[in-house]
Amino acid sequence: MASGDPSYFDSTIIVAEGFLTEYKDSTANFVAITLATLVFWSSDIPTNNRIVNFLRAVAVFVVGISLAYTYWTGRPFGVTLDWTPTHYSDGSRVPDKMSESRGNALIQDENLLIHGEIQFSKFISNFSLDFSSSSDITVELENKPRREHEYDPDEAVLSCENMSERSFPIKLRIYPDRAVEQAGRYHELSFIDEKSDSTIEQVDVIDVRM
């Protein structure tokens, strides 16, 4: 097994955790659980066992459909992305855990550095990841994480066919294109899976330059 290549068990955990997180926060979950609960409660009213069993089967079917819908329409569940912005402290860059916990990253001077770690499940053999930024900021990948990767600097897209390593670090530089007075303070950085056009993670980028 190559370094950074998760086992099938770990891959299953990656997929399951991503799916359950997505399903828990989805509209499909709310509608399905509400409807299934009402149908299940109503099954206590009839006295005919066939009707009772039918209503309970309908409740299970509704939940099953919502699970399938979330799986096919949600973001990729076989990838996890951890990111940590940095900030200046005593003249050097250090992890900015406070901003990370708030889901944002701060531009303090001419650029912002974000460290990340990406892991794909064993069920995924290729990827195309778009580092998409809103207008007035530019994102650049500092270097290709692995030799087998391809990087398009104009589009800020990292891709790979037939991955041998499914876990690797990334470093992103975020540059403000204009002064705060012209561009405003609030921007966005999105990590997008190009194959499904789904957002894996989104970071609020705040320009705090004076």
Protein backbone atom coordinates (compact mmCIF):
# COMPACT_ATOMS: atom_id res chain seq x y z
CA MET A 1 0.00 0.00 0.00
CA ALA A 2 1.39 3.41 -0.98
CA SER A 3 2.04 6.01 1.64
CA GLY A 4 -1.06 8.10 2.17
CA ASP A 5 -3.35 5.42 0.72
CA PRO A 6 -6.19 4.66 3.18
CA SER A 7 -7.49 1.13 3.69
CA TYR A 8 -10.91 0.07 2.47
CA PHE A 9 -12.16 0.29 6.06
CA ASP A 10 -10.85 3.85 6.46
CA SER A 11 -12.30 4.72 3.05
CA THR A 12 -15.71 3.47 4.13
CA ILE A 13 -15.49 5.66 7.25
CA ILE A 14 -14.57 8.70 5.12
CA VAL A 15 -17.57 8.17 2.85
CA ALA A 16 -19.98 7.43 5.72
CA GLU A 17 -18.97 10.44 7.81
CA GLY A 18 -19.28 12.80 4.85
CA PHE A 19 -22.63 11.37 3.85
CA LEU A 20 -24.13 11.49 7.35
CA THR A 21 -22.98 15.09 7.82
CA GLU A 22 -24.55 16.08 4.51
CA TYR A 23 -27.76 14.17 5.17
CA LYS A 24 -28.18 15.58 8.67
CA ASP A 25 -28.12 19.15 7.35
CA SER A 26 -30.14 18.54 4.20
CA THR A 27 -33.73 19.51 3.41
CA ALA A 28 -34.35 15.94 2.25
CA ASN A 29 -33.59 14.71 5.75
CA PHE A 30 -36.00 17.16 7.39
CA VAL A 31 -38.85 16.38 4.98
CA ALA A 32 -38.31 12.62 5.07
CA ILE A 33 -38.01 12.31 8.85
CA THR A 34 -41.06 14.52 9.39
CA LEU A 35 -43.17 12.65 6.85
CA ALA A 36 -41.98 9.23 7.98
CA THR A 37 -42.74 10.09 11.62
CA LEU A 38 -46.29 11.15 10.74
CA VAL A 39 -46.87 8.02 8.67
CA PHE A 40 -45.43 5.79 11.39
CA TRP A 41 -47.61 7.41 14.07
CA SER A 42 -50.67 6.97 11.85
CA SER A 43 -49.94 3.24 11.67
CA ASP A 44 -51.10 2.94 15.30
CA ILE A 45 -54.63 4.00 14.33
CA PRO A 46 -55.74 1.12 12.05
CA THR A 47 -56.50 -2.26 13.57
CA ASN A 48 -55.86 -4.20 10.37
CA ASN A 49 -52.33 -5.64 10.49
CA ARG A 50 -51.91 -5.37 6.72
CA ILE A 51 -52.62 -1.64 6.79
CA VAL A 52 -50.30 -1.18 9.76
CA ASN A 53 -47.46 -3.02 8.02
CA PHE A 54 -48.10 -1.11 4.79
CA LEU A 55 -47.89 2.29 6.51
CA ARG A 56 -44.71 1.33 8.31
CA ALA A 57 -43.19 0.12 5.05
CA VAL A 58 -44.11 3.49 3.48
CA ALA A 59 -42.30 5.28 6.34
CA VAL A 60 -39.15 3.22 5.74
CA PHE A 61 -39.44 3.75 1.97
CA VAL A 62 -39.64 7.56 2.40
CA VAL A 63 -36.46 7.60 4.48
CA GLY A 64 -34.74 5.30 2.00
CA ILE A 65 -35.62 7.56 -0.93
CA SER A 66 -34.30 10.61 0.93
CA LEU A 67 -31.02 8.80 1.64
CA ALA A 68 -30.62 7.86 -2.03
CA TYR A 69 -31.49 11.40 -3.15
CA THR A 70 -28.89 12.94 -0.84
CA TYR A 71 -26.23 10.46 -1.97
CA TRP A 72 -26.72 11.15 -5.67
CA THR A 73 -27.20 14.92 -5.45
CA GLY A 74 -24.88 15.82 -2.57
CA ARG A 75 -21.21 16.68 -2.60
CA PRO A 76 -18.56 13.96 -3.07
CA PHE A 77 -18.46 11.86 0.10
CA GLY A 78 -15.13 10.18 -0.57
CA VAL A 79 -13.00 13.24 0.10
CA THR A 80 -12.15 15.17 3.24
CA LEU A 81 -10.38 18.50 3.34
CA ASP A 82 -8.89 20.08 6.45
CA TRP A 83 -7.58 23.64 6.21
CA THR A 84 -5.88 26.06 8.57
CA PRO A 85 -5.18 29.73 7.81
CA THR A 86 -2.07 31.43 9.14
CA HIS A 87 -1.51 34.85 10.60
CA TYR A 88 1.44 36.88 11.81
CA SER A 89 2.52 36.60 15.44
CA ASP A 90 5.81 38.11 16.60
CA GLY A 91 6.88 38.58 13.00
CA SER A 92 6.30 35.01 11.79
CA ARG A 93 3.37 33.06 10.37
CA VAL A 94 1.62 30.68 12.76
CA PRO A 95 -1.65 28.69 12.51
CA ASP A 96 -4.69 30.89 13.12
CA LYS A 97 -6.88 28.41 15.00
CA MET A 98 -9.36 31.07 16.14
CA SER A 99 -10.18 32.09 12.58
CA GLU A 100 -10.31 28.43 11.52
CA SER A 101 -12.92 27.68 14.19
CA ARG A 102 -15.04 30.53 12.79
CA GLY A 103 -14.70 29.30 9.22
CA ASN A 104 -12.77 32.32 8.03
CA ALA A 105 -9.27 33.44 7.11
CA LEU A 106 -7.76 36.91 7.42
CA ILE A 107 -5.72 38.86 4.87
CA GLN A 108 -3.37 40.96 7.00
CA ASP A 109 -0.86 42.16 4.43
CA GLU A 110 -0.03 41.51 0.77
CA ASN A 111 -1.21 37.87 0.90
CA LEU A 112 -2.71 35.10 3.00
CA LEU A 113 -1.28 31.59 3.37
CA ILE A 114 -3.59 28.62 3.98
CA HIS A 115 -2.33 25.13 4.81
CA GLY A 116 -4.53 22.20 3.91
CA GLU A 117 -4.64 18.41 3.96
CA ILE A 118 -6.72 16.46 1.43
CA GLN A 119 -7.63 12.80 1.71
CA PHE A 120 -9.51 10.71 -0.85
CA SER A 121 -11.08 7.35 -0.19
CA LYS A 122 -9.80 4.23 -1.90
CA PHE A 123 -12.97 4.23 -3.98
CA ILE A 124 -11.77 7.32 -5.88
CA SER A 125 -9.00 6.97 -8.47
CA ASN A 126 -8.97 10.45 -10.01
CA PHE A 127 -9.99 14.00 -9.15
CA SER A 128 -10.24 17.54 -10.44
CA LEU A 129 -10.28 20.15 -7.69
CA ASP A 130 -11.04 23.80 -8.41
CA PHE A 131 -9.78 26.43 -5.97
CA SER A 132 -12.40 29.04 -6.78
CA SER A 133 -12.25 32.56 -5.38
CA SER A 134 -14.72 35.41 -5.55
CA SER A 135 -13.86 38.56 -7.47
CA ASP A 136 -11.19 40.90 -6.11
CA ILE A 137 -9.01 38.12 -4.69
CA THR A 138 -6.74 35.66 -6.49
CA VAL A 139 -5.86 32.16 -5.30
CA GLU A 140 -2.68 30.29 -6.23
CA LEU A 141 -1.43 26.83 -5.30
CA GLU A 142 2.12 27.29 -4.05
CA ASN A 143 3.34 24.04 -5.62
CA LYS A 144 2.11 20.70 -6.91
CA PRO A 145 1.74 18.35 -3.94
CA ARG A 146 2.80 15.28 -5.95
CA ARG A 147 4.62 14.68 -9.24
CA GLU A 148 1.63 12.77 -10.58
CA HIS A 149 -0.61 15.83 -10.20
CA GLU A 150 -1.42 18.37 -12.89
CA TYR A 151 -2.00 22.01 -12.03
CA ASP A 152 -3.52 24.74 -14.21
CA PRO A 153 -2.43 28.08 -12.66
CA ASP A 154 -4.74 30.11 -14.90
CA GLU A 155 -7.82 28.22 -13.72
CA ALA A 156 -6.42 27.26 -10.28
CA VAL A 157 -7.38 23.61 -10.86
CA LEU A 158 -5.46 20.66 -9.42
CA SER A 159 -6.14 17.27 -11.01
CA CYS A 160 -4.83 13.73 -11.19
CA GLU A 161 -5.60 10.48 -12.99
CA ASN A 162 -4.91 7.11 -11.34
CA MET A 163 -3.82 8.39 -7.94
CA SER A 164 -1.13 6.41 -6.14
CA GLU A 165 -1.32 8.58 -3.00
CA ARG A 166 -4.70 9.65 -1.71
CA SER A 167 -3.54 11.90 1.11
CA PHE A 168 -1.41 14.97 0.55
CA PRO A 169 -0.86 18.54 1.82
CA ILE A 170 -1.55 21.76 -0.07
CA LYS A 171 -0.48 25.39 0.40
CA LEU A 172 -2.63 28.17 -1.02
CA ARG A 173 -1.75 31.86 -1.37
CA ILE A 174 -4.59 34.36 -1.47
CA TYR A 175 -3.81 37.78 -2.96
CA PRO A 176 -6.09 40.82 -2.76
CA ASP A 177 -6.45 42.37 -6.22
CA ARG A 178 -7.43 45.84 -5.04
CA ALA A 179 -7.40 48.07 -2.02
CA VAL A 180 -9.96 47.44 0.72
CA GLU A 181 -11.70 50.73 -0.10
CA GLN A 182 -12.36 49.49 -3.63
CA ALA A 183 -12.94 45.76 -3.18
CA GLY A 184 -14.50 45.60 0.28
CA ARG A 185 -13.48 43.32 3.12
CA TYR A 186 -15.53 40.15 2.58
CA HIS A 187 -14.68 37.49 0.00
CA GLU A 188 -14.99 33.72 -0.48
CA LEU A 189 -12.72 30.80 -1.29
CA SER A 190 -14.41 27.56 -2.38
CA PHE A 191 -12.97 24.09 -2.89
CA ILE A 192 -15.06 22.63 -5.71
CA ASP A 193 -15.13 19.11 -7.11
CA GLU A 194 -15.29 19.74 -10.86
CA LYS A 195 -16.69 16.31 -11.69
CA SER A 196 -19.87 16.88 -9.69
CA ASP A 197 -19.68 20.69 -9.55
CA SER A 198 -20.17 20.39 -5.78
CA THR A 199 -18.56 22.54 -3.10
CA ILE A 200 -16.50 20.48 -0.66
CA GLU A 201 -15.53 23.34 1.63
CA GLN A 202 -16.02 27.11 1.68
CA VAL A 203 -13.91 29.67 3.50
CA ASP A 204 -14.89 33.26 4.28
CA VAL A 205 -11.87 35.43 3.46
CA ILE A 206 -11.79 38.76 5.30
CA ASP A 207 -9.43 41.54 4.31
CA VAL A 208 -8.41 43.27 7.55
CA ARG A 209 -5.74 45.52 6.07
CA MET A 210 -5.96 49.11 7.15
